[in-house]
Amino acid sequence: EGACLDQKQAVIYNGPWSMVMDDDGHTLYRGERMAVCGKTFEIYTHEPYASQITPVPPAEAVSPDDAIEFDCHKNAVRDARETKGQDYAATQLPGSDCCGGEGCC
């Protein structure tokens, strides 16, 4: 119930099957970052579904007031740039030299 709004969220189905379809027609492909509306994201992040998916929230939350309408029947893969941001380029380096002074592990 309620509007399907694009809040830049995605879910990744962890398996074991190559794909699954829920009662509303959402198809999730194993290992793929599937675009979902805010309503579906909330459902999938709670049991009985939460243990079977990996939620991918956006780097910057999109409020329902700012969200645009979402077509839940599209079953589209969500590009990482949509959740991270178009110019996202962070590199996470360890705080210390993990290999020591001897070179690479």
PDB file of N, CA and C in Angstrom:
ATOM      1  N   GLU A   1       0.818  -1.181   0.000  1.00  0.00           N
ATOM      2  CA  GLU A   1       0.000   0.000   0.000  1.00  0.00           C
ATOM      3  C   GLU A   1       0.863   1.247   0.000  1.00  0.00           C
ATOM      4  N   GLY A   2       0.346   2.290  -0.559  1.00  0.00           N
ATOM      5  CA  GLY A   2       1.069   3.548  -0.594  1.00  0.00           C
ATOM      6  C   GLY A   2       1.819   3.726  -1.894  1.00  0.00           C
ATOM      7  N   ALA A   3       2.370   4.910  -2.055  1.00  0.00           N
ATOM      8  CA  ALA A   3       3.088   5.254  -3.285  1.00  0.00           C
ATOM      9  C   ALA A   3       4.444   4.562  -3.341  1.00  0.00           C
ATOM     10  N   CYS A   4       4.865   4.240  -4.550  1.00  0.00           N
ATOM     11  CA  CYS A   4       6.206   3.698  -4.779  1.00  0.00           C
ATOM     12  C   CYS A   4       7.112   4.884  -5.108  1.00  0.00           C
ATOM     13  N   LEU A   5       8.049   5.175  -4.202  1.00  0.00           N
ATOM     14  CA  LEU A   5       8.929   6.329  -4.362  1.00  0.00           C
ATOM     15  C   LEU A   5      10.377   5.888  -4.504  1.00  0.00           C
ATOM     16  N   ASP A   6      11.097   6.538  -5.406  1.00  0.00           N
ATOM     17  CA  ASP A   6      12.502   6.220  -5.643  1.00  0.00           C
ATOM     18  C   ASP A   6      13.365   6.977  -4.643  1.00  0.00           C
ATOM     19  N   GLN A   7      13.843   6.248  -3.644  1.00  0.00           N
ATOM     20  CA  GLN A   7      14.716   6.839  -2.635  1.00  0.00           C
ATOM     21  C   GLN A   7      16.154   6.353  -2.817  1.00  0.00           C
ATOM     22  N   LYS A   8      16.473   5.900  -4.048  1.00  0.00           N
ATOM     23  CA  LYS A   8      17.825   5.475  -4.450  1.00  0.00           C
ATOM     24  C   LYS A   8      18.333   4.278  -3.652  1.00  0.00           C
ATOM     25  N   GLN A   9      17.412   3.405  -3.237  1.00  0.00           N
ATOM     26  CA  GLN A   9      17.779   2.217  -2.480  1.00  0.00           C
ATOM     27  C   GLN A   9      17.862   1.013  -3.404  1.00  0.00           C
ATOM     28  N   ALA A  10      18.605   0.013  -2.962  1.00  0.00           N
ATOM     29  CA  ALA A  10      18.724  -1.233  -3.710  1.00  0.00           C
ATOM     30  C   ALA A  10      18.848  -2.380  -2.720  1.00  0.00           C
ATOM     31  N   VAL A  11      18.599  -3.584  -3.203  1.00  0.00           N
ATOM     32  CA  VAL A  11      18.835  -4.791  -2.412  1.00  0.00           C
ATOM     33  C   VAL A  11      19.571  -5.797  -3.281  1.00  0.00           C
ATOM     34  N   ILE A  12      20.381  -6.619  -2.634  1.00  0.00           N
ATOM     35  CA  ILE A  12      21.094  -7.692  -3.325  1.00  0.00           C
ATOM     36  C   ILE A  12      20.592  -9.004  -2.741  1.00  0.00           C
ATOM     37  N   TYR A  13      20.020  -9.858  -3.587  1.00  0.00           N
ATOM     38  CA  TYR A  13      19.567 -11.176  -3.153  1.00  0.00           C
ATOM     39  C   TYR A  13      20.796 -12.067  -3.045  1.00  0.00           C
ATOM     40  N   ASN A  14      20.965 -12.725  -1.883  1.00  0.00           N
ATOM     41  CA  ASN A  14      22.164 -13.509  -1.612  1.00  0.00           C
ATOM     42  C   ASN A  14      22.105 -14.948  -2.109  1.00  0.00           C
ATOM     43  N   GLY A  15      20.958 -15.438  -2.519  1.00  0.00           N
ATOM     44  CA  GLY A  15      20.856 -16.814  -3.007  1.00  0.00           C
ATOM     45  C   GLY A  15      20.107 -17.681  -2.015  1.00  0.00           C
ATOM     46  N   PRO A  16      19.958 -18.953  -2.297  1.00  0.00           N
ATOM     47  CA  PRO A  16      20.765 -19.813  -3.156  1.00  0.00           C
ATOM     48  C   PRO A  16      20.300 -19.889  -4.613  1.00  0.00           C
ATOM     49  N   TRP A  17      19.073 -19.490  -4.907  1.00  0.00           N
ATOM     50  CA  TRP A  17      18.580 -19.611  -6.278  1.00  0.00           C
ATOM     51  C   TRP A  17      19.106 -18.479  -7.141  1.00  0.00           C
ATOM     52  N   SER A  18      19.100 -18.680  -8.449  1.00  0.00           N
ATOM     53  CA  SER A  18      19.623 -17.655  -9.357  1.00  0.00           C
ATOM     54  C   SER A  18      18.727 -16.423  -9.396  1.00  0.00           C
ATOM     55  N   MET A  19      17.432 -16.603  -9.098  1.00  0.00           N
ATOM     56  CA  MET A  19      16.505 -15.477  -9.028  1.00  0.00           C
ATOM     57  C   MET A  19      15.272 -15.890  -8.245  1.00  0.00           C
ATOM     58  N   VAL A  20      14.595 -14.909  -7.685  1.00  0.00           N
ATOM     59  CA  VAL A  20      13.332 -15.140  -6.984  1.00  0.00           C
ATOM     60  C   VAL A  20      12.369 -14.025  -7.358  1.00  0.00           C
ATOM     61  N   MET A  21      11.069 -14.328  -7.265  1.00  0.00           N
ATOM     62  CA  MET A  21      10.039 -13.321  -7.535  1.00  0.00           C
ATOM     63  C   MET A  21       9.080 -13.307  -6.351  1.00  0.00           C
ATOM     64  N   ASP A  22       8.775 -12.114  -5.836  1.00  0.00           N
ATOM     65  CA  ASP A  22       7.837 -12.022  -4.720  1.00  0.00           C
ATOM     66  C   ASP A  22       6.400 -11.923  -5.236  1.00  0.00           C
ATOM     67  N   ASP A  23       5.460 -11.870  -4.318  1.00  0.00           N
ATOM     68  CA  ASP A  23       4.039 -11.841  -4.678  1.00  0.00           C
ATOM     69  C   ASP A  23       3.625 -10.586  -5.431  1.00  0.00           C
ATOM     70  N   ASP A  24       4.417  -9.517  -5.339  1.00  0.00           N
ATOM     71  CA  ASP A  24       4.114  -8.274  -6.046  1.00  0.00           C
ATOM     72  C   ASP A  24       4.786  -8.198  -7.414  1.00  0.00           C
ATOM     73  N   GLY A  25       5.514  -9.244  -7.798  1.00  0.00           N
ATOM     74  CA  GLY A  25       6.157  -9.266  -9.109  1.00  0.00           C
ATOM     75  C   GLY A  25       7.567  -8.714  -9.149  1.00  0.00           C
ATOM     76  N   HIS A  26       8.145  -8.371  -7.988  1.00  0.00           N
ATOM     77  CA  HIS A  26       9.539  -7.917  -7.962  1.00  0.00           C
ATOM     78  C   HIS A  26      10.441  -9.127  -8.191  1.00  0.00           C
ATOM     79  N   THR A  27      11.316  -9.059  -9.173  1.00  0.00           N
ATOM     80  CA  THR A  27      12.269 -10.133  -9.432  1.00  0.00           C
ATOM     81  C   THR A  27      13.639  -9.693  -8.948  1.00  0.00           C
ATOM     82  N   LEU A  28      14.242 -10.532  -8.109  1.00  0.00           N
ATOM     83  CA  LEU A  28      15.584 -10.271  -7.596  1.00  0.00           C
ATOM     84  C   LEU A  28      16.527 -11.314  -8.174  1.00  0.00           C
ATOM     85  N   TYR A  29      17.610 -10.864  -8.787  1.00  0.00           N
ATOM     86  CA  TYR A  29      18.606 -11.757  -9.359  1.00  0.00           C
ATOM     87  C   TYR A  29      19.777 -11.870  -8.394  1.00  0.00           C
ATOM     88  N   ARG A  30      20.207 -13.092  -8.116  1.00  0.00           N
ATOM     89  CA  ARG A  30      21.275 -13.328  -7.150  1.00  0.00           C
ATOM     90  C   ARG A  30      22.517 -12.500  -7.473  1.00  0.00           C
ATOM     91  N   GLY A  31      23.008 -11.780  -6.474  1.00  0.00           N
ATOM     92  CA  GLY A  31      24.233 -11.007  -6.610  1.00  0.00           C
ATOM     93  C   GLY A  31      24.105  -9.684  -7.326  1.00  0.00           C
ATOM     94  N   GLU A  32      22.918  -9.340  -7.789  1.00  0.00           N
ATOM     95  CA  GLU A  32      22.717  -8.080  -8.518  1.00  0.00           C
ATOM     96  C   GLU A  32      22.134  -7.014  -7.595  1.00  0.00           C
ATOM     97  N   ARG A  33      22.543  -5.797  -7.795  1.00  0.00           N
ATOM     98  CA  ARG A  33      22.057  -4.644  -7.031  1.00  0.00           C
ATOM     99  C   ARG A  33      20.737  -4.205  -7.674  1.00  0.00           C
ATOM    100  N   MET A  34      19.614  -4.709  -7.156  1.00  0.00           N
ATOM    101  CA  MET A  34      18.313  -4.448  -7.755  1.00  0.00           C
ATOM    102  C   MET A  34      17.672  -3.201  -7.149  1.00  0.00           C
ATOM    103  N   ALA A  35      17.205  -2.317  -8.019  1.00  0.00           N
ATOM    104  CA  ALA A  35      16.532  -1.091  -7.587  1.00  0.00           C
ATOM    105  C   ALA A  35      15.173  -1.445  -6.998  1.00  0.00           C
ATOM    106  N   VAL A  36      14.854  -0.850  -5.865  1.00  0.00           N
ATOM    107  CA  VAL A  36      13.545  -1.043  -5.238  1.00  0.00           C
ATOM    108  C   VAL A  36      13.037   0.303  -4.733  1.00  0.00           C
ATOM    109  N   CYS A  37      11.730   0.391  -4.561  1.00  0.00           N
ATOM    110  CA  CYS A  37      11.151   1.610  -3.992  1.00  0.00           C
ATOM    111  C   CYS A  37      11.352   1.600  -2.478  1.00  0.00           C
ATOM    112  N   GLY A  38      11.104   2.726  -1.850  1.00  0.00           N
ATOM    113  CA  GLY A  38      11.269   2.839  -0.411  1.00  0.00           C
ATOM    114  C   GLY A  38      10.406   1.865   0.367  1.00  0.00           C
ATOM    115  N   LYS A  39       9.190   1.646  -0.103  1.00  0.00           N
ATOM    116  CA  LYS A  39       8.263   0.734   0.565  1.00  0.00           C
ATOM    117  C   LYS A  39       8.792  -0.703   0.535  1.00  0.00           C
ATOM    118  N   THR A  40       9.254  -1.145  -0.635  1.00  0.00           N
ATOM    119  CA  THR A  40       9.791  -2.495  -0.777  1.00  0.00           C
ATOM    120  C   THR A  40      11.089  -2.646   0.013  1.00  0.00           C
ATOM    121  N   PHE A  41      11.917  -1.606   0.029  1.00  0.00           N
ATOM    122  CA  PHE A  41      13.158  -1.634   0.803  1.00  0.00           C
ATOM    123  C   PHE A  41      12.850  -1.881   2.280  1.00  0.00           C
ATOM    124  N   GLU A  42      11.838  -1.198   2.805  1.00  0.00           N
ATOM    125  CA  GLU A  42      11.453  -1.385   4.209  1.00  0.00           C
ATOM    126  C   GLU A  42      10.981  -2.813   4.472  1.00  0.00           C
ATOM    127  N   ILE A  43      10.222  -3.375   3.562  1.00  0.00           N
ATOM    128  CA  ILE A  43       9.735  -4.752   3.720  1.00  0.00           C
ATOM    129  C   ILE A  43      10.902  -5.730   3.703  1.00  0.00           C
ATOM    130  N   TYR A  44      11.795  -5.580   2.734  1.00  0.00           N
ATOM    131  CA  TYR A  44      12.907  -6.521   2.575  1.00  0.00           C
ATOM    132  C   TYR A  44      13.957  -6.420   3.679  1.00  0.00           C
ATOM    133  N   THR A  45      14.016  -5.308   4.389  1.00  0.00           N
ATOM    134  CA  THR A  45      15.027  -5.171   5.440  1.00  0.00           C
ATOM    135  C   THR A  45      14.528  -5.682   6.792  1.00  0.00           C
ATOM    136  N   HIS A  46      13.383  -6.338   6.805  1.00  0.00           N
ATOM    137  CA  HIS A  46      12.845  -6.968   8.012  1.00  0.00           C
ATOM    138  C   HIS A  46      12.554  -8.435   7.702  1.00  0.00           C
ATOM    139  N   GLU A  47      12.546  -9.256   8.741  1.00  0.00           N
ATOM    140  CA  GLU A  47      12.235 -10.680   8.549  1.00  0.00           C
ATOM    141  C   GLU A  47      10.803 -10.827   8.050  1.00  0.00           C
ATOM    142  N   PRO A  48      10.556 -11.820   7.235  1.00  0.00           N
ATOM    143  CA  PRO A  48      11.398 -12.983   6.952  1.00  0.00           C
ATOM    144  C   PRO A  48      12.386 -12.799   5.802  1.00  0.00           C
ATOM    145  N   TYR A  49      12.515 -11.609   5.266  1.00  0.00           N
ATOM    146  CA  TYR A  49      13.367 -11.392   4.091  1.00  0.00           C
ATOM    147  C   TYR A  49      14.792 -10.953   4.424  1.00  0.00           C
ATOM    148  N   ALA A  50      14.974 -10.256   5.527  1.00  0.00           N
ATOM    149  CA  ALA A  50      16.247  -9.588   5.830  1.00  0.00           C
ATOM    150  C   ALA A  50      17.452 -10.521   5.799  1.00  0.00           C
ATOM    151  N   SER A  51      17.290 -11.760   6.211  1.00  0.00           N
ATOM    152  CA  SER A  51      18.425 -12.686   6.236  1.00  0.00           C
ATOM    153  C   SER A  51      18.806 -13.177   4.842  1.00  0.00           C
ATOM    154  N   GLN A  52      17.973 -12.892   3.849  1.00  0.00           N
ATOM    155  CA  GLN A  52      18.233 -13.373   2.494  1.00  0.00           C
ATOM    156  C   GLN A  52      18.737 -12.288   1.546  1.00  0.00           C
ATOM    157  N   ILE A  53      18.749 -11.055   2.001  1.00  0.00           N
ATOM    158  CA  ILE A  53      19.192  -9.953   1.143  1.00  0.00           C
ATOM    159  C   ILE A  53      20.225  -9.087   1.858  1.00  0.00           C
ATOM    160  N   THR A  54      20.970  -8.344   1.055  1.00  0.00           N
ATOM    161  CA  THR A  54      21.877  -7.326   1.570  1.00  0.00           C
ATOM    162  C   THR A  54      21.297  -5.978   1.170  1.00  0.00           C
ATOM    163  N   PRO A  55      20.919  -5.153   2.145  1.00  0.00           N
ATOM    164  CA  PRO A  55      20.370  -3.841   1.799  1.00  0.00           C
ATOM    165  C   PRO A  55      21.470  -2.890   1.342  1.00  0.00           C
ATOM    166  N   VAL A  56      21.154  -2.042   0.366  1.00  0.00           N
ATOM    167  CA  VAL A  56      22.098  -1.037  -0.129  1.00  0.00           C
ATOM    168  C   VAL A  56      21.407   0.329  -0.046  1.00  0.00           C
ATOM    169  N   PRO A  57      21.541   0.988   1.110  1.00  0.00           N
ATOM    170  CA  PRO A  57      20.945   2.324   1.228  1.00  0.00           C
ATOM    171  C   PRO A  57      21.792   3.344   0.479  1.00  0.00           C
ATOM    172  N   PRO A  58      21.219   4.474   0.115  1.00  0.00           N
ATOM    173  CA  PRO A  58      22.010   5.501  -0.574  1.00  0.00           C
ATOM    174  C   PRO A  58      22.993   6.165   0.389  1.00  0.00           C
ATOM    175  N   ALA A  59      24.081   6.686  -0.143  1.00  0.00           N
ATOM    176  CA  ALA A  59      25.070   7.393   0.678  1.00  0.00           C
ATOM    177  C   ALA A  59      24.431   8.605   1.346  1.00  0.00           C
ATOM    178  N   GLU A  60      23.523   9.261   0.634  1.00  0.00           N
ATOM    179  CA  GLU A  60      22.772  10.388   1.183  1.00  0.00           C
ATOM    180  C   GLU A  60      21.288  10.058   1.077  1.00  0.00           C
ATOM    181  N   ALA A  61      20.622  10.001   2.219  1.00  0.00           N
ATOM    182  CA  ALA A  61      19.208   9.627   2.247  1.00  0.00           C
ATOM    183  C   ALA A  61      18.359  10.583   1.412  1.00  0.00           C
ATOM    184  N   VAL A  62      17.354  10.007   0.750  1.00  0.00           N
ATOM    185  CA  VAL A  62      16.390  10.786  -0.032  1.00  0.00           C
ATOM    186  C   VAL A  62      15.066  10.733   0.724  1.00  0.00           C
ATOM    187  N   SER A  63      14.575  11.870   1.161  1.00  0.00           N
ATOM    188  CA  SER A  63      13.320  11.898   1.915  1.00  0.00           C
ATOM    189  C   SER A  63      12.154  11.599   0.977  1.00  0.00           C
ATOM    190  N   PRO A  64      11.071  11.045   1.516  1.00  0.00           N
ATOM    191  CA  PRO A  64       9.891  10.803   0.684  1.00  0.00           C
ATOM    192  C   PRO A  64       9.387  12.074   0.000  1.00  0.00           C
ATOM    193  N   ASP A  65       9.562  13.225   0.643  1.00  0.00           N
ATOM    194  CA  ASP A  65       9.121  14.491   0.046  1.00  0.00           C
ATOM    195  C   ASP A  65       9.929  14.854  -1.197  1.00  0.00           C
ATOM    196  N   ASP A  66      11.192  14.434  -1.244  1.00  0.00           N
ATOM    197  CA  ASP A  66      12.065  14.750  -2.376  1.00  0.00           C
ATOM    198  C   ASP A  66      12.125  13.641  -3.421  1.00  0.00           C
ATOM    199  N   ALA A  67      11.563  12.480  -3.100  1.00  0.00           N
ATOM    200  CA  ALA A  67      11.637  11.323  -3.997  1.00  0.00           C
ATOM    201  C   ALA A  67      10.655  11.465  -5.159  1.00  0.00           C
ATOM    202  N   ILE A  68      11.043  10.889  -6.293  1.00  0.00           N
ATOM    203  CA  ILE A  68      10.154  10.853  -7.452  1.00  0.00           C
ATOM    204  C   ILE A  68       9.463   9.490  -7.503  1.00  0.00           C
ATOM    205  N   GLU A  69       8.425   9.392  -8.313  1.00  0.00           N
ATOM    206  CA  GLU A  69       7.693   8.141  -8.449  1.00  0.00           C
ATOM    207  C   GLU A  69       8.606   7.055  -9.010  1.00  0.00           C
ATOM    208  N   PHE A  70       8.406   5.816  -8.544  1.00  0.00           N
ATOM    209  CA  PHE A  70       9.234   4.679  -8.940  1.00  0.00           C
ATOM    210  C   PHE A  70       8.361   3.618  -9.590  1.00  0.00           C
ATOM    211  N   ASP A  71       8.817   3.056 -10.708  1.00  0.00           N
ATOM    212  CA  ASP A  71       8.096   1.987 -11.400  1.00  0.00           C
ATOM    213  C   ASP A  71       8.561   0.646 -10.846  1.00  0.00           C
ATOM    214  N   CYS A  72       7.769   0.070  -9.952  1.00  0.00           N
ATOM    215  CA  CYS A  72       8.139  -1.187  -9.299  1.00  0.00           C
ATOM    216  C   CYS A  72       8.097  -2.395 -10.233  1.00  0.00           C
ATOM    217  N   HIS A  73       7.543  -2.252 -11.406  1.00  0.00           N
ATOM    218  CA  HIS A  73       7.449  -3.386 -12.325  1.00  0.00           C
ATOM    219  C   HIS A  73       8.620  -3.455 -13.293  1.00  0.00           C
ATOM    220  N   LYS A  74       9.580  -2.560 -13.147  1.00  0.00           N
ATOM    221  CA  LYS A  74      10.708  -2.475 -14.071  1.00  0.00           C
ATOM    222  C   LYS A  74      11.778  -3.532 -13.816  1.00  0.00           C
ATOM    223  N   ASN A  75      11.979  -3.962 -12.568  1.00  0.00           N
ATOM    224  CA  ASN A  75      13.006  -4.943 -12.204  1.00  0.00           C
ATOM    225  C   ASN A  75      14.369  -4.555 -12.756  1.00  0.00           C
ATOM    226  N   ALA A  76      14.821  -3.357 -12.439  1.00  0.00           N
ATOM    227  CA  ALA A  76      16.076  -2.828 -12.973  1.00  0.00           C
ATOM    228  C   ALA A  76      17.222  -2.976 -11.978  1.00  0.00           C
ATOM    229  N   VAL A  77      18.416  -3.163 -12.529  1.00  0.00           N
ATOM    230  CA  VAL A  77      19.629  -3.137 -11.720  1.00  0.00           C
ATOM    231  C   VAL A  77      19.932  -1.672 -11.418  1.00  0.00           C
ATOM    232  N   ARG A  78      20.283  -1.376 -10.165  1.00  0.00           N
ATOM    233  CA  ARG A  78      20.600   0.002  -9.772  1.00  0.00           C
ATOM    234  C   ARG A  78      22.105   0.194  -9.866  1.00  0.00           C
ATOM    235  N   ASP A  79      22.527   1.128 -10.689  1.00  0.00           N
ATOM    236  CA  ASP A  79      23.939   1.457 -10.837  1.00  0.00           C
ATOM    237  C   ASP A  79      24.469   1.985  -9.509  1.00  0.00           C
ATOM    238  N   ALA A  80      25.680   1.600  -9.162  1.00  0.00           N
ATOM    239  CA  ALA A  80      26.281   2.040  -7.898  1.00  0.00           C
ATOM    240  C   ALA A  80      26.350   3.558  -7.796  1.00  0.00           C
ATOM    241  N   ARG A  81      26.473   4.249  -8.937  1.00  0.00           N
ATOM    242  CA  ARG A  81      26.528   5.715  -8.908  1.00  0.00           C
ATOM    243  C   ARG A  81      25.228   6.326  -8.406  1.00  0.00           C
ATOM    244  N   GLU A  82      24.122   5.587  -8.531  1.00  0.00           N
ATOM    245  CA  GLU A  82      22.843   6.108  -8.038  1.00  0.00           C
ATOM    246  C   GLU A  82      22.787   6.104  -6.519  1.00  0.00           C
ATOM    247  N   THR A  83      23.396   5.098  -5.874  1.00  0.00           N
ATOM    248  CA  THR A  83      23.375   5.055  -4.415  1.00  0.00           C
ATOM    249  C   THR A  83      24.561   5.786  -3.799  1.00  0.00           C
ATOM    250  N   LYS A  84      25.696   5.779  -4.471  1.00  0.00           N
ATOM    251  CA  LYS A  84      26.890   6.434  -3.931  1.00  0.00           C
ATOM    252  C   LYS A  84      26.981   7.899  -4.316  1.00  0.00           C
ATOM    253  N   GLY A  85      26.435   8.252  -5.466  1.00  0.00           N
ATOM    254  CA  GLY A  85      26.545   9.611  -5.988  1.00  0.00           C
ATOM    255  C   GLY A  85      27.396   9.594  -7.253  1.00  0.00           C
ATOM    256  N   GLN A  86      27.088  10.456  -8.188  1.00  0.00           N
ATOM    257  CA  GLN A  86      27.759  10.480  -9.490  1.00  0.00           C
ATOM    258  C   GLN A  86      29.264  10.703  -9.390  1.00  0.00           C
ATOM    259  N   ASP A  87      29.708  11.504  -8.431  1.00  0.00           N
ATOM    260  CA  ASP A  87      31.127  11.850  -8.329  1.00  0.00           C
ATOM    261  C   ASP A  87      31.835  11.118  -7.198  1.00  0.00           C
ATOM    262  N   TYR A  88      31.273  10.018  -6.715  1.00  0.00           N
ATOM    263  CA  TYR A  88      31.861   9.282  -5.596  1.00  0.00           C
ATOM    264  C   TYR A  88      33.179   8.645  -6.025  1.00  0.00           C
ATOM    265  N   ALA A  89      34.238   8.918  -5.271  1.00  0.00           N
ATOM    266  CA  ALA A  89      35.548   8.357  -5.607  1.00  0.00           C
ATOM    267  C   ALA A  89      36.398   8.181  -4.355  1.00  0.00           C
ATOM    268  N   ALA A  90      35.821   7.690  -3.275  1.00  0.00           N
ATOM    269  CA  ALA A  90      36.569   7.507  -2.033  1.00  0.00           C
ATOM    270  C   ALA A  90      37.410   6.245  -2.108  1.00  0.00           C
ATOM    271  N   THR A  91      38.621   6.334  -1.610  1.00  0.00           N
ATOM    272  CA  THR A  91      39.496   5.179  -1.501  1.00  0.00           C
ATOM    273  C   THR A  91      39.809   4.997  -0.027  1.00  0.00           C
ATOM    274  N   GLN A  92      39.582   3.807   0.479  1.00  0.00           N
ATOM    275  CA  GLN A  92      39.831   3.522   1.885  1.00  0.00           C
ATOM    276  C   GLN A  92      41.193   2.854   2.023  1.00  0.00           C
ATOM    277  N   LEU A  93      42.167   3.562   2.545  1.00  0.00           N
ATOM    278  CA  LEU A  93      43.495   3.013   2.769  1.00  0.00           C
ATOM    279  C   LEU A  93      43.645   2.656   4.239  1.00  0.00           C
ATOM    280  N   PRO A  94      44.423   1.604   4.537  1.00  0.00           N
ATOM    281  CA  PRO A  94      44.625   1.252   5.940  1.00  0.00           C
ATOM    282  C   PRO A  94      45.366   2.370   6.665  1.00  0.00           C
ATOM    283  N   GLY A  95      45.154   2.457   7.970  1.00  0.00           N
ATOM    284  CA  GLY A  95      45.786   3.500   8.765  1.00  0.00           C
ATOM    285  C   GLY A  95      47.278   3.311   8.935  1.00  0.00           C
ATOM    286  N   SER A  96      47.759   2.079   8.743  1.00  0.00           N
ATOM    287  CA  SER A  96      49.191   1.814   8.876  1.00  0.00           C
ATOM    288  C   SER A  96      49.629   0.892   7.751  1.00  0.00           C
ATOM    289  N   ASP A  97      50.918   0.717   7.637  1.00  0.00           N
ATOM    290  CA  ASP A  97      51.467  -0.166   6.609  1.00  0.00           C
ATOM    291  C   ASP A  97      51.169  -1.604   7.008  1.00  0.00           C
ATOM    292  N   CYS A  98      50.251  -2.246   6.332  1.00  0.00           N
ATOM    293  CA  CYS A  98      49.818  -3.585   6.720  1.00  0.00           C
ATOM    294  C   CYS A  98      50.867  -4.651   6.411  1.00  0.00           C
ATOM    295  N   CYS A  99      51.810  -4.351   5.538  1.00  0.00           N
ATOM    296  CA  CYS A  99      52.808  -5.348   5.137  1.00  0.00           C
ATOM    297  C   CYS A  99      54.137  -5.179   5.867  1.00  0.00           C
ATOM    298  N   GLY A 100      54.299  -4.121   6.615  1.00  0.00           N
ATOM    299  CA  GLY A 100      55.563  -3.881   7.297  1.00  0.00           C
ATOM    300  C   GLY A 100      56.595  -3.315   6.345  1.00  0.00           C
ATOM    301  N   GLY A 101      57.823  -3.204   6.802  1.00  0.00           N
ATOM    302  CA  GLY A 101      58.889  -2.628   5.994  1.00  0.00           C
ATOM    303  C   GLY A 101      59.513  -3.590   5.011  1.00  0.00           C
ATOM    304  N   GLU A 102      59.091  -4.834   5.023  1.00  0.00           N
ATOM    305  CA  GLU A 102      59.680  -5.875   4.177  1.00  0.00           C
ATOM    306  C   GLU A 102      59.107  -5.899   2.766  1.00  0.00           C
ATOM    307  N   GLY A 103      58.100  -5.136   2.495  1.00  0.00           N
ATOM    308  CA  GLY A 103      57.454  -5.187   1.187  1.00  0.00           C
ATOM    309  C   GLY A 103      56.062  -5.762   1.309  1.00  0.00           C
ATOM    310  N   CYS A 104      55.550  -6.212   0.205  1.00  0.00           N
ATOM    311  CA  CYS A 104      54.173  -6.703   0.179  1.00  0.00           C
ATOM    312  C   CYS A 104      54.065  -8.081   0.817  1.00  0.00           C
ATOM    313  N   CYS A 105      52.914  -8.344   1.413  1.00  0.00           N
ATOM    314  CA  CYS A 105      52.659  -9.630   2.076  1.00  0.00           C
ATOM    315  C   CYS A 105      52.749 -10.699   1.063  1.00  0.00           C
TER     316      CYS A 105
END
